[in-house]
Protein backbone atom coordinates (compact mmCIF):
# COMPACT_ATOMS: atom_id res chain seq x y z
CA MET A 1 46.24 2.11 36.16
CA SER A 2 47.97 5.09 34.17
CA VAL A 3 47.30 5.78 30.85
CA LEU A 4 50.62 5.26 28.93
CA THR A 5 50.02 1.81 30.81
CA TYR A 6 46.85 0.92 30.07
CA SER A 7 47.72 2.54 26.32
CA SER A 8 50.24 -0.13 26.09
CA LEU A 9 47.91 -2.93 27.22
CA CYS A 10 45.54 -1.81 24.45
CA LEU A 11 48.55 -1.43 21.65
CA SER A 12 49.49 -4.71 22.62
CA LEU A 13 46.26 -6.68 22.28
CA PHE A 14 45.80 -5.25 19.10
CA LEU A 15 49.51 -6.25 17.98
CA ALA A 16 48.33 -9.88 18.98
CA THR A 17 45.43 -10.12 17.05
CA SER A 18 46.57 -8.38 13.99
CA PHE A 19 48.47 -9.85 11.02
CA PHE A 20 51.36 -7.62 9.87
CA ILE A 21 54.18 -7.60 7.03
CA HIS A 22 56.49 -5.47 6.15
CA PRO A 23 55.90 -2.98 3.18
CA SER A 24 59.10 -4.45 0.75
CA ASN A 25 57.31 -7.80 1.40
CA ALA A 26 53.82 -6.56 -0.19
CA THR A 27 52.53 -6.70 -3.55
CA THR A 28 53.41 -4.16 -6.13
CA THR A 29 51.20 -1.33 -6.37
CA THR A 30 50.94 -2.48 -10.01
CA THR A 31 48.30 -5.31 -9.10
CA ILE A 32 46.68 -3.01 -5.62
CA GLN A 33 43.78 -1.73 -6.52
CA PRO A 34 43.49 1.54 -4.02
CA SER A 35 40.25 2.43 -2.34
CA ASN A 36 39.69 6.29 -2.41
CA LEU A 37 40.41 6.50 1.07
CA VAL A 38 43.71 5.06 0.75
CA ASN A 39 44.75 7.09 -2.91
CA LYS A 40 43.17 10.67 -0.96
CA VAL A 41 46.21 9.90 1.62
CA CYS A 42 48.75 8.45 -0.27
CA ASN A 43 47.88 11.18 -2.78
CA GLN A 44 49.73 13.59 0.11
CA THR A 45 52.76 11.78 0.93
CA SER A 46 56.07 12.28 -1.18
CA ASN A 47 56.00 8.47 -1.75
CA TYR A 48 52.59 7.26 -3.25
CA THR A 49 54.12 3.42 -3.45
CA PHE A 50 55.55 3.10 -0.17
CA CYS A 51 52.49 4.98 1.53
CA VAL A 52 50.14 2.27 -0.23
CA GLU A 53 52.90 -0.37 0.37
CA SER A 54 52.73 0.20 3.61
CA LEU A 55 48.94 0.45 3.87
CA TYR A 56 48.21 -2.50 2.04
CA ALA A 57 50.62 -4.74 4.00
CA ASN A 58 47.86 -5.68 6.15
CA PRO A 59 44.85 -6.91 4.69
CA LYS A 60 42.62 -4.86 6.52
CA THR A 61 43.26 -2.13 4.18
CA PRO A 62 41.21 -2.69 1.40
CA ASN A 63 37.91 -2.10 3.15
CA ALA A 64 39.22 0.31 6.00
CA ASN A 65 37.19 3.11 7.17
CA ARG A 66 39.54 6.08 8.06
CA GLN A 67 39.56 4.90 12.09
CA GLU A 68 40.91 1.44 11.11
CA LEU A 69 43.70 3.19 8.19
CA ALA A 70 44.68 5.04 11.48
CA TYR A 71 45.39 1.91 13.64
CA ILE A 72 46.78 0.34 10.67
CA ILE A 73 49.93 3.19 9.51
CA TYR A 74 49.96 3.92 13.43
CA VAL A 75 51.01 -0.11 14.40
CA SER A 76 52.89 -0.32 11.37
CA ALA A 77 54.66 2.95 12.01
CA TYR A 78 55.31 1.82 16.22
CA LEU A 79 56.39 -2.21 14.97
CA ASN A 80 59.06 -0.57 13.10
CA ALA A 81 60.21 1.78 15.63
CA THR A 82 60.20 -0.93 18.10
CA SER A 83 61.86 -3.19 15.67
CA THR A 84 64.43 -0.29 14.91
CA GLN A 85 64.91 -0.14 19.05
CA GLU A 86 65.90 -4.25 19.14
CA HIS A 87 68.34 -3.55 16.14
CA ILE A 88 69.71 -0.83 17.76
CA ALA A 89 70.43 -2.76 21.13
CA LYS A 90 71.89 -5.41 19.48
CA LEU A 91 74.40 -3.47 17.15
CA LEU A 92 75.22 -1.47 20.56
CA ASN A 93 76.41 -5.17 21.57
CA LYS A 94 77.81 -6.26 18.53
CA ASN A 95 79.82 -2.74 18.36
CA ALA A 96 80.38 -2.20 22.09
CA ASN A 97 83.69 -0.35 22.03
CA THR A 98 83.73 0.87 18.77
CA SER A 99 83.50 4.74 17.24
CA GLN A 100 79.60 4.38 16.44
CA ARG A 101 78.82 3.10 19.78
CA PRO A 102 77.70 7.21 20.49
CA LEU A 103 75.92 7.61 17.87
CA LEU A 104 74.00 3.88 18.65
CA LEU A 105 73.24 5.32 22.01
CA ARG A 106 72.11 8.65 20.47
CA CYS A 107 69.95 6.43 18.18
CA ALA A 108 69.00 4.56 20.90
CA ARG A 109 67.26 7.85 23.02
CA ASP A 110 65.60 9.42 19.68
CA TYR A 111 63.99 5.61 18.97
CA THR A 112 62.70 5.66 22.50
CA LYS A 113 60.84 9.17 22.08
CA ALA A 114 59.39 7.80 18.99
CA VAL A 115 58.14 4.83 20.29
CA SER A 116 56.96 6.90 23.04
CA LYS A 117 55.11 9.10 21.22
CA LEU A 118 53.97 6.52 18.93
CA ALA A 119 52.10 4.58 21.70
CA VAL A 120 51.09 8.06 22.72
CA ALA A 121 49.44 8.35 19.48
CA TYR A 122 47.73 5.16 19.33
CA GLY A 123 46.32 6.22 23.01
CA ASP A 124 44.76 8.82 21.61
CA LEU A 125 42.83 6.95 18.85
CA ASP A 126 41.69 4.78 21.42
CA SER A 127 40.48 7.54 23.26
CA GLU A 128 39.55 9.33 20.32
CA THR A 129 41.45 12.31 20.86
CA TYR A 130 42.77 13.47 17.05
CA ASN A 131 43.97 16.57 17.96
CA SER A 132 47.58 15.75 18.28
CA LEU A 133 47.99 13.06 16.16
CA ALA A 134 50.15 14.89 13.59
CA ILE A 135 52.06 16.17 16.28
CA TYR A 136 52.70 12.45 17.76
CA SER A 137 54.04 11.52 14.50
CA ARG A 138 56.25 14.21 13.48
CA ILE A 139 58.31 13.83 16.44
CA ALA A 140 58.78 10.49 15.62
CA SER A 141 59.73 11.45 12.06
CA ALA A 142 62.57 14.00 13.84
CA ALA A 143 63.89 11.61 15.88
CA ALA A 144 64.52 10.00 13.11
CA ASP A 145 66.22 12.54 11.74
CA ASP A 146 68.25 13.36 14.48
CA CYS A 147 69.01 9.39 14.79
CA GLN A 148 70.54 9.69 11.34
CA ALA A 149 72.11 12.79 11.70
CA ALA A 150 74.13 11.70 14.14
CA PHE A 151 76.34 9.67 11.51
CA LYS A 152 76.49 12.88 9.15
CA GLY A 153 79.74 11.90 7.56
CA THR A 154 80.22 8.29 8.40
CA HIS A 155 78.16 5.06 7.02
CA SER A 156 74.94 4.83 8.86
CA PRO A 157 73.97 1.00 9.66
CA LEU A 158 70.15 2.55 10.45
CA THR A 159 69.87 4.50 7.16
CA THR A 160 66.77 2.64 5.42
CA ARG A 161 65.58 1.94 8.95
CA ASN A 162 65.42 6.12 9.34
CA GLU A 163 64.02 6.66 6.01
CA ASP A 164 61.30 4.04 6.86
CA LEU A 165 60.18 4.98 9.58
CA LYS A 166 60.00 8.56 8.58
CA GLY A 167 57.98 7.54 5.46
CA LEU A 168 55.50 5.62 8.04
CA CYS A 169 55.22 9.18 10.02
CA GLU A 170 53.99 11.39 7.12
CA ILE A 171 51.26 8.65 6.00
CA CYS A 172 50.53 9.31 9.93
CA VAL A 173 50.27 12.42 9.60
CA PHE A 174 48.43 12.29 6.52
CA VAL A 175 45.76 10.00 7.51
CA SER A 176 45.63 11.92 10.88
CA LYS A 177 44.46 14.99 8.80
CA LEU A 178 41.41 12.94 8.05
CA PHE A 179 39.92 13.50 11.09
CA VAL A 180 40.64 17.59 11.29
CA THR A 181 37.32 18.84 11.25
CA SER A 182 36.98 22.57 9.41
């Protein structure tokens, strides 16, 4: 069984046993008392509130150790990317002959790359190989940037989704730094 197939199988099993809520449906940070670990990660990000809400969208976060927190955020980023991939496919079907079609096709390629890199990162978590987690996260974030750049000068139907993936990937980068030894 190939590593990617095994990783995909593990990811599917994890997703089947986990319950996730989109960050926008999470409790606001005014009622959340973030753990020390969550504070350590989120204080490094550009949007503390988004970070806390994203992590606490998963009910396992309050008692999570660094390994569990890594799974939580990488799965959240993966789910966001795959959901956006599906949304792009729907937009392509709906807008089959519009001027946005080439832009959406570019975004489809970008999100294929993002999903692939996040799946590899998940596999690395399973194998306790942490060295490249931040690199994979940055590549996935760059894919969202590339998708957004495709729409320069025109309205993008993917702006919010691109920003969310970038934010989740930023959290992934800082969570991955929990595994780097000095």
